[in-house]
C-alpha atoms as a PDB file:
ATOM      1  CA  MET A   1     -20.688  11.753  29.950  1.00  0.00           C
ATOM      2  CA  ILE A   2     -20.349   8.847  27.080  1.00  0.00           C
ATOM      3  CA  SER A   3     -16.754   8.577  24.926  1.00  0.00           C
ATOM      4  CA  PHE A   4     -18.120   7.097  21.765  1.00  0.00           C
ATOM      5  CA  GLU A   5     -14.420   6.562  21.021  1.00  0.00           C
ATOM      6  CA  GLN A   6     -13.885   4.309  23.970  1.00  0.00           C
ATOM      7  CA  ALA A   7     -17.917   2.485  23.624  1.00  0.00           C
ATOM      8  CA  LEU A   8     -17.203   1.814  19.773  1.00  0.00           C
ATOM      9  CA  GLY A   9     -13.741   1.127  20.032  1.00  0.00           C
ATOM     10  CA  ILE A  10     -12.039   0.613  16.618  1.00  0.00           C
ATOM     11  CA  HIS A  11     -14.689  -0.339  14.500  1.00  0.00           C
ATOM     12  CA  PRO A  12     -15.611   2.744  12.959  1.00  0.00           C
ATOM     13  CA  GLN A  13     -11.887   2.941  11.565  1.00  0.00           C
ATOM     14  CA  ALA A  14     -12.190  -1.063  10.644  1.00  0.00           C
ATOM     15  CA  MET A  15     -15.180   0.198   8.399  1.00  0.00           C
ATOM     16  CA  ALA A  16     -13.551   3.000   6.487  1.00  0.00           C
ATOM     17  CA  PHE A  17     -10.440   0.808   5.991  1.00  0.00           C
ATOM     18  CA  ARG A  18     -12.883  -2.173   4.997  1.00  0.00           C
ATOM     19  CA  SER A  19     -14.395   0.134   2.426  1.00  0.00           C
ATOM     20  CA  THR A  20     -11.153   1.390   0.873  1.00  0.00           C
ATOM     21  CA  ARG A  21      -9.643  -2.063   0.502  1.00  0.00           C
ATOM     22  CA  ALA A  22     -13.158  -3.134  -0.648  1.00  0.00           C
ATOM     23  CA  GLN A  23     -12.366  -0.231  -3.926  1.00  0.00           C
ATOM     24  CA  ILE A  24      -8.810  -1.263  -4.325  1.00  0.00           C
ATOM     25  CA  LEU A  25      -9.670  -4.584  -4.774  1.00  0.00           C
ATOM     26  CA  ALA A  26     -12.813  -4.159  -6.821  1.00  0.00           C
ATOM     27  CA  GLY A  27     -10.167  -1.990  -8.784  1.00  0.00           C
ATOM     28  CA  ASN A  28      -7.871  -4.944  -9.252  1.00  0.00           C
ATOM     29  CA  LEU A  29     -10.816  -7.307 -10.305  1.00  0.00           C
ATOM     30  CA  ALA A  30     -11.943  -4.793 -12.947  1.00  0.00           C
ATOM     31  CA  ASN A  31      -8.195  -4.696 -14.528  1.00  0.00           C
ATOM     32  CA  VAL A  32      -7.855  -8.443 -14.655  1.00  0.00           C
ATOM     33  CA  ASP A  33      -7.253  -8.531 -18.123  1.00  0.00           C
ATOM     34  CA  THR A  34      -5.461  -5.000 -18.486  1.00  0.00           C
ATOM     35  CA  PRO A  35      -1.944  -5.811 -19.664  1.00  0.00           C
ATOM     36  CA  LYS A  36       0.540  -4.861 -17.363  1.00  0.00           C
ATOM     37  CA  PHE A  37      -1.826  -3.723 -14.546  1.00  0.00           C
ATOM     38  CA  LEU A  38      -0.293  -4.204 -11.336  1.00  0.00           C
ATOM     39  CA  ALA A  39      -2.391  -5.838  -8.459  1.00  0.00           C
ATOM     40  CA  ARG A  40      -2.539  -3.430  -5.443  1.00  0.00           C
ATOM     41  CA  ASP A  41      -3.656  -4.242  -1.689  1.00  0.00           C
ATOM     42  CA  ILE A  42      -3.618  -2.775   1.844  1.00  0.00           C
ATOM     43  CA  GLN A  43      -3.625  -5.015   4.949  1.00  0.00           C
ATOM     44  CA  PHE A  44      -5.419  -4.100   8.000  1.00  0.00           C
ATOM     45  CA  ASP A  45      -2.518  -5.738  10.105  1.00  0.00           C
ATOM     46  CA  ASP A  46       0.065  -3.351   8.795  1.00  0.00           C
ATOM     47  CA  VAL A  47      -2.163  -0.117   9.001  1.00  0.00           C
ATOM     48  CA  LEU A  48      -3.101  -1.310  12.531  1.00  0.00           C
ATOM     49  CA  LYS A  49       0.531  -1.775  13.242  1.00  0.00           C
ATOM     50  CA  GLY A  50       2.105   1.480  11.492  1.00  0.00           C
ATOM     51  CA  GLU A  51      -0.955   3.446  13.583  1.00  0.00           C
ATOM     52  CA  LEU A  52       0.228   1.710  17.008  1.00  0.00           C
ATOM     53  CA  THR A  53       4.417   1.619  16.283  1.00  0.00           C
ATOM     54  CA  GLY A  54       4.491   4.937  13.958  1.00  0.00           C
ATOM     55  CA  LYS A  55       5.659   3.174  10.987  1.00  0.00           C
ATOM     56  CA  LEU A  56       4.561   0.626   8.827  1.00  0.00           C
ATOM     57  CA  ASN A  57       5.727  -3.167   8.835  1.00  0.00           C
ATOM     58  CA  THR A  58       5.259  -5.348   5.589  1.00  0.00           C
ATOM     59  CA  ASP A  59       5.693  -9.054   4.746  1.00  0.00           C
ATOM     60  CA  ASN A  60       7.091 -11.063   2.207  1.00  0.00           C
ATOM     61  CA  LEU A  61       4.091 -11.153  -0.109  1.00  0.00           C
ATOM     62  CA  HIS A  62       4.409  -7.379  -0.577  1.00  0.00           C
ATOM     63  CA  MET A  63       6.685  -4.825  -1.996  1.00  0.00           C
ATOM     64  CA  PRO A  64       6.596  -1.084  -0.941  1.00  0.00           C
ATOM     65  CA  LEU A  65       4.690   1.267  -3.439  1.00  0.00           C
ATOM     66  CA  GLY A  66       6.049   4.573  -2.613  1.00  0.00           C
ATOM     67  CA  PRO A  67       7.772   6.268  -5.175  1.00  0.00           C
ATOM     68  CA  ASP A  68      10.914   7.101  -3.372  1.00  0.00           C
ATOM     69  CA  GLY A  69      11.104   3.196  -1.916  1.00  0.00           C
ATOM     70  CA  SER A  70       9.804   4.375   1.335  1.00  0.00           C
ATOM     71  CA  GLU A  71       7.309   1.776   3.273  1.00  0.00           C
ATOM     72  CA  SER A  72       3.354   2.928   2.030  1.00  0.00           C
ATOM     73  CA  SER A  73       0.056   0.986   3.060  1.00  0.00           C
ATOM     74  CA  LEU A  74      -0.773   0.572  -0.678  1.00  0.00           C
ATOM     75  CA  LEU A  75       1.241  -1.977  -1.723  1.00  0.00           C
ATOM     76  CA  TYR A  76       1.675  -4.070  -4.986  1.00  0.00           C
ATOM     77  CA  ARG A  77       0.911  -7.660  -4.622  1.00  0.00           C
ATOM     78  CA  ILE A  78       3.314 -10.691  -5.548  1.00  0.00           C
ATOM     79  CA  PRO A  79       1.440 -13.074  -7.895  1.00  0.00           C
ATOM     80  CA  PHE A  80       1.876 -17.016  -6.976  1.00  0.00           C
ATOM     81  CA  GLN A  81       2.244 -17.268 -11.007  1.00  0.00           C
ATOM     82  CA  LYS A  82       3.381 -14.850 -13.418  1.00  0.00           C
ATOM     83  CA  SER A  83       1.039 -13.967 -16.663  1.00  0.00           C
ATOM     84  CA  SER A  84       2.978 -13.338 -20.312  1.00  0.00           C
ATOM     85  CA  ASP A  85       1.258  -9.837 -20.245  1.00  0.00           C
ATOM     86  CA  GLY A  86       2.615  -8.389 -16.898  1.00  0.00           C
ATOM     87  CA  ASN A  87      -0.476  -8.190 -15.567  1.00  0.00           C
ATOM     88  CA  THR A  88      -0.295  -9.209 -11.674  1.00  0.00           C
ATOM     89  CA  VAL A  89      -4.169  -9.836 -11.104  1.00  0.00           C
ATOM     90  CA  GLU A  90      -5.209 -13.216  -9.881  1.00  0.00           C
ATOM     91  CA  LEU A  91      -8.742 -13.706 -10.494  1.00  0.00           C
ATOM     92  CA  HIS A  92      -9.102 -16.570  -7.572  1.00  0.00           C
ATOM     93  CA  VAL A  93      -7.325 -14.385  -5.119  1.00  0.00           C
ATOM     94  CA  GLU A  94      -8.914 -11.323  -5.464  1.00  0.00           C
ATOM     95  CA  GLN A  95     -12.272 -12.747  -5.176  1.00  0.00           C
ATOM     96  CA  GLY A  96     -11.224 -14.706  -2.247  1.00  0.00           C
ATOM     97  CA  GLU A  97      -9.784 -11.238  -0.797  1.00  0.00           C
ATOM     98  CA  PHE A  98     -12.699  -9.465  -1.443  1.00  0.00           C
ATOM     99  CA  THR A  99     -14.881 -11.968  -0.207  1.00  0.00           C
ATOM    100  CA  GLN A 100     -13.070 -12.187   2.966  1.00  0.00           C
ATOM    101  CA  ASN A 101     -12.551  -8.290   3.354  1.00  0.00           C
ATOM    102  CA  SER A 102     -16.714  -8.032   2.632  1.00  0.00           C
ATOM    103  CA  ILE A 103     -17.385 -10.704   5.556  1.00  0.00           C
ATOM    104  CA  GLN A 104     -15.113  -8.424   7.956  1.00  0.00           C
ATOM    105  CA  PHE A 105     -17.390  -5.465   6.926  1.00  0.00           C
ATOM    106  CA  GLN A 106     -20.352  -6.909   7.823  1.00  0.00           C
ATOM    107  CA  ALA A 107     -18.877  -8.341  11.194  1.00  0.00           C
ATOM    108  CA  SER A 108     -17.680  -4.730  12.439  1.00  0.00           C
ATOM    109  CA  LEU A 109     -21.083  -3.281  11.056  1.00  0.00           C
ATOM    110  CA  THR A 110     -22.969  -5.682  13.069  1.00  0.00           C
ATOM    111  CA  PHE A 111     -20.476  -5.220  15.800  1.00  0.00           C
ATOM    112  CA  LEU A 112     -21.462  -1.470  16.117  1.00  0.00           C
ATOM    113  CA  ASN A 113     -25.327  -1.740  15.182  1.00  0.00           C
ATOM    114  CA  LYS A 114     -24.903  -3.909  18.741  1.00  0.00           C
ATOM    115  CA  LYS A 115     -22.760  -1.452  20.491  1.00  0.00           C
ATOM    116  CA  LEU A 116     -25.172   1.314  19.477  1.00  0.00           C
ATOM    117  CA  LYS A 117     -28.189  -0.369  20.523  1.00  0.00           C
ATOM    118  CA  GLY A 118     -26.963  -0.938  23.653  1.00  0.00           C
ATOM    119  CA  LEU A 119     -25.790   2.890  24.317  1.00  0.00           C
ATOM    120  CA  GLU A 120     -29.384   3.946  23.050  1.00  0.00           C
ATOM    121  CA  LEU A 121     -31.225   1.299  25.706  1.00  0.00           C
ATOM    122  CA  ALA A 122     -28.501   3.067  28.453  1.00  0.00           C
ATOM    123  CA  ILE A 123     -29.443   6.556  27.305  1.00  0.00           C
ATOM    124  CA  ASN A 124     -33.072   5.629  27.188  1.00  0.00           C
ATOM    125  CA  GLY A 125     -32.495   4.032  30.871  1.00  0.00           C
ATOM    126  CA  ARG A 126     -33.593   0.647  29.811  1.00  0.00           C
ATOM    127  CA  VAL A 127     -30.604  -1.255  30.688  1.00  0.00           C
END
């Protein structure tokens, strides 16, 4: 019997993560001119480490988002340069992150397509 979880690996979850992250980054881009808007992000490495270890690790570029000060996978981005209106969205950073996220989504999609084609060939006996 074929185990799709083993055959496909982490890529279905990675695509779901990339889709969620694209929504977060798009929200940041949409609010680039909104006073006091705080840019948010979620990091794949932190989510993966959290899944594997049971807790989430943050790096020095982010602060916890949870209202009680607990660590959360959705984090505030600390800007490289502060703006006078309190907005932390930096257009060039968000565009770069959005582009990188899109490329990584496409890579997982390509990998999944190849895996599924291989499984289809195996099921049909053409391997």
